[in-house]
Amino acid sequence: MVKNETQIGIRVTNEFKARLEAQADKERRSVANLVRTVMEEYLEQHENQDEQP
């Protein structure tokens, strides 16, 4: 079976981690899912900007 996912690691402050966890709890999702969703939205927005003349 081929894996189509990989892991990345980032460093954040304790305060930032707490903020991520609080937001994820509010949305009833994992921190990983929250971060992945935000990153996907960011990339889609910026990739689309690059394509416009």
C-alpha atoms as a PDB file:
ATOM      1  CA  MET A   1       0.000   0.000   0.000  1.00  0.00           C
ATOM      2  CA  VAL A   2       1.363   3.415  -1.000  1.00  0.00           C
ATOM      3  CA  LYS A   3       1.246   6.207   1.550  1.00  0.00           C
ATOM      4  CA  ASN A   4      -0.047   9.495   0.226  1.00  0.00           C
ATOM      5  CA  GLU A   5       0.533  11.477   3.405  1.00  0.00           C
ATOM      6  CA  THR A   6       3.620  12.619   5.231  1.00  0.00           C
ATOM      7  CA  GLN A   7       4.382  14.523   8.412  1.00  0.00           C
ATOM      8  CA  ILE A   8       6.005  17.908   8.864  1.00  0.00           C
ATOM      9  CA  GLY A   9       7.119  19.543  12.075  1.00  0.00           C
ATOM     10  CA  ILE A  10       7.076  23.192  13.082  1.00  0.00           C
ATOM     11  CA  ARG A  11       8.029  25.029  16.233  1.00  0.00           C
ATOM     12  CA  VAL A  12       5.578  27.416  17.858  1.00  0.00           C
ATOM     13  CA  THR A  13       5.446  29.207  21.178  1.00  0.00           C
ATOM     14  CA  ASN A  14       3.552  27.659  24.060  1.00  0.00           C
ATOM     15  CA  GLU A  15       1.041  30.513  23.801  1.00  0.00           C
ATOM     16  CA  PHE A  16       0.462  29.885  20.093  1.00  0.00           C
ATOM     17  CA  LYS A  17      -0.030  26.162  20.712  1.00  0.00           C
ATOM     18  CA  ALA A  18      -2.575  26.937  23.416  1.00  0.00           C
ATOM     19  CA  ARG A  19      -4.429  29.230  21.017  1.00  0.00           C
ATOM     20  CA  LEU A  20      -4.474  26.516  18.337  1.00  0.00           C
ATOM     21  CA  GLU A  21      -5.768  23.964  20.832  1.00  0.00           C
ATOM     22  CA  ALA A  22      -8.470  26.326  22.078  1.00  0.00           C
ATOM     23  CA  GLN A  23      -9.669  27.072  18.554  1.00  0.00           C
ATOM     24  CA  ALA A  24      -9.604  23.414  17.581  1.00  0.00           C
ATOM     25  CA  ASP A  25     -11.658  22.579  20.685  1.00  0.00           C
ATOM     26  CA  LYS A  26     -14.211  25.255  19.765  1.00  0.00           C
ATOM     27  CA  GLU A  27     -14.554  23.722  16.316  1.00  0.00           C
ATOM     28  CA  ARG A  28     -14.510  20.150  17.677  1.00  0.00           C
ATOM     29  CA  ARG A  29     -11.589  19.080  15.532  1.00  0.00           C
ATOM     30  CA  SER A  30      -7.951  18.171  16.016  1.00  0.00           C
ATOM     31  CA  VAL A  31      -5.164  20.720  15.904  1.00  0.00           C
ATOM     32  CA  ALA A  32      -3.718  18.865  12.905  1.00  0.00           C
ATOM     33  CA  ASN A  33      -7.015  19.149  11.032  1.00  0.00           C
ATOM     34  CA  LEU A  34      -7.317  22.853  11.880  1.00  0.00           C
ATOM     35  CA  VAL A  35      -3.783  23.614  10.714  1.00  0.00           C
ATOM     36  CA  ARG A  36      -4.158  21.543   7.543  1.00  0.00           C
ATOM     37  CA  THR A  37      -7.441  23.288   6.652  1.00  0.00           C
ATOM     38  CA  VAL A  38      -6.004  26.752   7.211  1.00  0.00           C
ATOM     39  CA  MET A  39      -2.905  25.915   5.167  1.00  0.00           C
ATOM     40  CA  GLU A  40      -4.999  24.513   2.302  1.00  0.00           C
ATOM     41  CA  GLU A  41      -7.164  27.667   2.216  1.00  0.00           C
ATOM     42  CA  TYR A  42      -4.063  29.877   2.268  1.00  0.00           C
ATOM     43  CA  LEU A  43      -2.419  28.004  -0.590  1.00  0.00           C
ATOM     44  CA  GLU A  44      -5.573  27.975  -2.713  1.00  0.00           C
ATOM     45  CA  GLN A  45      -5.991  31.715  -2.273  1.00  0.00           C
ATOM     46  CA  HIS A  46      -2.362  32.536  -3.061  1.00  0.00           C
ATOM     47  CA  GLU A  47      -1.968  30.033  -5.885  1.00  0.00           C
ATOM     48  CA  ASN A  48      -5.041  31.532  -7.556  1.00  0.00           C
ATOM     49  CA  GLN A  49      -3.581  35.038  -7.202  1.00  0.00           C
ATOM     50  CA  ASP A  50      -0.415  33.909  -8.967  1.00  0.00           C
ATOM     51  CA  GLU A  51      -2.425  32.615 -11.937  1.00  0.00           C
ATOM     52  CA  GLN A  52      -4.245  35.903 -12.560  1.00  0.00           C
ATOM     53  CA  PRO A  53      -2.595  38.309 -15.039  1.00  0.00           C
END
